[in-house]
Protein backbone atom coordinates (compact mmCIF):
# COMPACT_ATOMS: atom_id res chain seq x y z
CA MET A 1 18.03 -50.24 14.56
CA HIS A 2 20.08 -50.48 17.76
CA THR A 3 20.62 -53.53 19.89
CA PRO A 4 18.08 -53.53 22.72
CA LEU A 5 19.27 -52.19 26.04
CA THR A 6 18.59 -55.56 27.64
CA ALA A 7 21.17 -57.35 25.44
CA SER A 8 24.02 -56.45 27.79
CA PRO A 9 24.24 -57.70 31.38
CA ALA A 10 21.95 -55.86 33.77
CA HIS A 11 23.67 -53.52 36.21
CA VAL A 12 22.68 -53.94 39.85
CA LEU A 13 23.52 -51.45 42.60
CA LEU A 14 23.83 -52.70 46.20
CA VAL A 15 24.05 -50.19 49.06
CA ASP A 16 24.53 -51.09 52.72
CA ASP A 17 26.85 -49.68 55.37
CA GLU A 18 27.83 -53.22 56.40
CA PRO A 19 30.31 -54.92 54.02
CA ALA A 20 29.26 -58.38 55.26
CA ILE A 21 25.68 -57.71 54.12
CA LEU A 22 26.94 -56.57 50.70
CA ASN A 23 29.01 -59.76 50.38
CA ALA A 24 25.98 -61.88 51.29
CA LEU A 25 23.85 -60.08 48.69
CA VAL A 26 26.50 -60.61 46.00
CA ARG A 27 26.62 -64.33 46.86
CA THR A 28 22.83 -64.54 46.61
CA LEU A 29 22.86 -62.83 43.21
CA ARG A 30 25.52 -65.28 42.00
CA ARG A 31 23.28 -68.12 43.14
CA GLY A 32 20.50 -66.69 40.95
CA VAL A 33 22.87 -66.89 37.96
CA ALA A 34 23.87 -70.46 38.89
CA GLU A 35 20.20 -71.45 39.13
CA GLY A 36 19.46 -69.91 35.73
CA LEU A 37 17.10 -67.25 37.06
CA TRP A 38 18.95 -64.52 35.13
CA GLN A 39 22.05 -63.93 33.04
CA PRO A 40 25.29 -62.83 34.79
CA LEU A 41 24.89 -59.37 36.31
CA ARG A 42 27.25 -56.45 36.65
CA THR A 43 27.06 -55.74 40.36
CA GLU A 44 28.46 -52.68 42.10
CA THR A 45 28.52 -52.36 45.88
CA PHE A 46 28.74 -49.25 48.05
CA THR A 47 28.88 -48.71 51.80
CA GLU A 48 28.16 -44.98 51.42
CA PRO A 49 24.93 -43.77 49.79
CA ALA A 50 26.55 -40.53 48.54
CA ALA A 51 29.19 -42.51 46.62
CA ALA A 52 26.46 -44.75 45.18
CA LEU A 53 24.53 -41.68 43.99
CA ALA A 54 27.66 -40.28 42.35
CA ARG A 55 28.08 -43.56 40.49
CA ALA A 56 24.38 -43.57 39.50
CA ARG A 57 24.97 -40.26 37.74
CA GLU A 58 27.48 -42.07 35.51
CA GLN A 59 26.00 -45.55 35.07
CA ALA A 60 22.45 -46.77 34.44
CA PHE A 61 21.24 -49.47 36.82
CA ALA A 62 18.37 -51.89 36.30
CA LEU A 63 17.93 -52.58 40.02
CA CYS A 64 19.06 -51.13 43.33
CA ILE A 65 18.85 -52.93 46.66
CA SER A 66 19.46 -50.61 49.58
CA ASP A 67 19.55 -50.88 53.34
CA PHE A 68 17.15 -48.60 55.21
CA ARG A 69 19.20 -47.57 58.23
CA MET A 70 22.52 -46.06 57.17
CA PRO A 71 24.54 -43.21 58.66
CA GLY A 72 24.31 -39.87 56.90
CA MET A 73 21.44 -40.76 54.58
CA ASN A 74 18.75 -43.37 55.17
CA GLY A 75 17.51 -45.70 52.48
CA ALA A 76 14.37 -43.67 51.79
CA GLN A 77 16.40 -40.52 51.20
CA PHE A 78 18.92 -42.39 49.06
CA LEU A 79 16.30 -44.13 46.93
CA THR A 80 14.37 -40.86 46.47
CA ALA A 81 17.53 -39.23 45.11
CA LEU A 82 18.21 -42.30 42.96
CA ARG A 83 14.66 -42.12 41.57
CA GLU A 84 15.25 -38.51 40.50
CA CYS A 85 18.47 -39.54 38.77
CA GLN A 86 17.24 -42.85 37.31
CA PRO A 87 13.44 -43.15 37.34
CA ASP A 88 13.51 -46.50 35.50
CA CYS A 89 15.76 -48.21 38.05
CA ARG A 90 13.78 -50.67 40.19
CA ARG A 91 14.20 -49.99 43.93
CA VAL A 92 14.15 -52.56 46.75
CA ILE A 93 14.72 -51.64 50.40
CA LEU A 94 15.99 -53.93 53.15
CA SER A 95 15.37 -53.20 56.81
CA ALA A 96 16.05 -55.02 60.03
CA HIS A 97 13.89 -52.57 61.94
CA ALA A 98 10.17 -51.96 61.80
CA ASP A 99 10.23 -48.19 61.20
CA PHE A 100 6.73 -47.56 59.89
CA GLU A 101 7.15 -43.83 59.31
CA GLY A 102 10.46 -44.27 57.49
CA LEU A 103 9.16 -47.12 55.37
CA THR A 104 6.06 -45.11 54.51
CA ASP A 105 8.38 -42.35 53.32
CA ALA A 106 10.31 -44.89 51.24
CA VAL A 107 7.11 -46.09 49.59
CA ASN A 108 5.73 -42.61 48.97
CA SER A 109 8.86 -40.59 48.12
CA ALA A 110 11.23 -43.17 46.70
CA ARG A 111 8.41 -45.28 45.25
CA ILE A 112 10.20 -48.46 46.15
CA SER A 113 9.26 -51.54 44.22
CA GLN A 114 9.58 -53.94 47.14
CA PHE A 115 10.31 -54.02 50.88
CA MET A 116 12.19 -56.96 52.40
CA SER A 117 13.18 -57.55 55.99
CA LYS A 118 16.61 -58.53 57.29
CA PRO A 119 17.60 -61.23 57.64
CA TRP A 120 16.06 -62.11 54.31
CA ASN A 121 14.76 -65.45 53.14
CA GLU A 122 17.09 -66.37 50.25
CA PRO A 123 14.46 -67.98 47.96
CA GLU A 124 12.23 -64.94 48.53
CA LEU A 125 15.09 -62.55 47.69
CA LEU A 126 15.91 -64.55 44.55
CA ALA A 127 12.26 -64.41 43.47
CA THR A 128 12.09 -60.66 44.16
CA VAL A 129 15.26 -59.92 42.17
CA HIS A 130 14.00 -62.06 39.28
CA GLU A 131 10.64 -60.28 39.31
CA GLN A 132 12.22 -56.81 39.50
CA LEU A 133 14.69 -57.49 36.67
CA GLU A 134 11.89 -58.82 34.48
CA GLU A 135 9.69 -55.82 35.25
CA GLN A 136 12.52 -53.41 34.44
CA ARG A 137 13.16 -55.25 31.16
CA ARG A 138 9.47 -54.98 30.23
CA VAL A 139 9.38 -51.25 31.03
CA VAL A 140 12.45 -50.56 28.90
CA GLU A 141 11.08 -52.64 26.02
CA LEU A 142 7.78 -50.72 26.14
CA GLN A 143 9.64 -47.40 26.16
CA LEU A 144 11.72 -48.45 23.17
CA LEU A 145 8.63 -49.64 21.29
CA ALA A 146 6.81 -46.37 22.01
CA GLU A 147 9.82 -44.39 20.81
CA GLN A 148 10.05 -46.46 17.62
CA GLN A 149 6.37 -45.79 16.94
CA ARG A 150 6.79 -42.05 17.60
CA LEU A 151 9.84 -42.05 15.31
CA ALA A 152 7.89 -43.83 12.55
CA ARG A 153 5.05 -41.29 12.86
CA GLY A 154 7.50 -38.38 12.72
CA GLU A 155 6.68 -37.27 16.28
CA LEU A 156 10.26 -37.91 17.37
CA SER A 157 13.39 -36.99 15.46
CA PRO A 158 16.11 -39.59 14.92
CA GLN A 159 18.46 -37.35 16.92
CA GLU A 160 16.09 -37.26 19.90
CA ALA A 161 15.59 -41.03 19.75
CA GLU A 162 19.36 -41.52 19.79
CA ARG A 163 19.77 -39.00 22.64
CA ARG A 164 17.24 -40.93 24.73
CA ARG A 165 18.96 -44.24 23.97
CA LEU A 166 22.34 -42.86 25.00
CA GLU A 167 20.88 -41.31 28.16
CA ARG A 168 19.44 -44.71 29.17
CA LEU A 169 22.87 -46.31 28.75
CA GLU A 170 24.90 -43.51 30.38
CA PRO A 171 22.84 -41.14 32.55
CA GLY A 172 23.94 -37.55 32.11
CA ILE A 173 25.95 -38.16 28.93
CA THR A 174 23.79 -35.80 26.89
CA GLN A 175 23.65 -33.08 29.53
CA VAL A 176 26.55 -30.80 28.69
CA ARG A 177 27.32 -27.88 30.98
CA TRP A 178 28.93 -24.82 29.43
CA SER A 179 30.95 -22.12 31.19
CA SER A 180 30.45 -18.42 30.48
CA ASP A 181 33.47 -18.42 28.14
CA GLY A 182 32.01 -21.21 25.95
CA ALA A 183 34.07 -24.12 27.30
CA TYR A 184 32.36 -27.27 28.49
CA VAL A 185 32.49 -28.00 32.21
CA LEU A 186 34.00 -31.34 33.19
CA ASP A 187 32.98 -31.35 36.85
CA PRO A 188 30.54 -29.52 39.09
CA ALA A 189 33.44 -27.58 40.66
CA GLY A 190 33.77 -25.77 37.35
CA ALA A 191 36.95 -27.17 35.78
CA ALA A 192 36.80 -26.39 32.07
CA ALA A 193 38.27 -28.22 29.08
CA TYR A 194 40.21 -26.18 26.57
């Protein structure tokens, strides 16, 4: 039996086009560790949603906190794309503006877990992060339990169970792309390994 996914530090993705906001969020998350609300986190910050999505194709995240208004791609669009890539990642959106139509889109398309306004109330943000990390942990534990039961009943092969475990840890790791000449493709541009 493998070590549960939750044994390692949770990965948190922070996306905002303002570096000062990202720094404030990181400080708040560190405060949650200091207060014993959660174990130390692995936090990654991005000022560009496209770069954050590229990283999400390589690394599984337990939680993403994203700004709503960003140039190039708003938070609803970003979190919708993140949901397609990592459906188990919890999604929180921050907004300084009351944009009802955009927030409705975020709830419906991105299926955000929580909306918070800027500037945020720090105790409220700490409580939200704690709640979201716990909910993500519960979801993963239920998935693992269901897979163990399916494996025990013979409804899931050991290879498929391992593939799913690896995919949770490293999104995309089991999705190999092959070129027409039988080589595997290293990047979307089509570079092949020989």
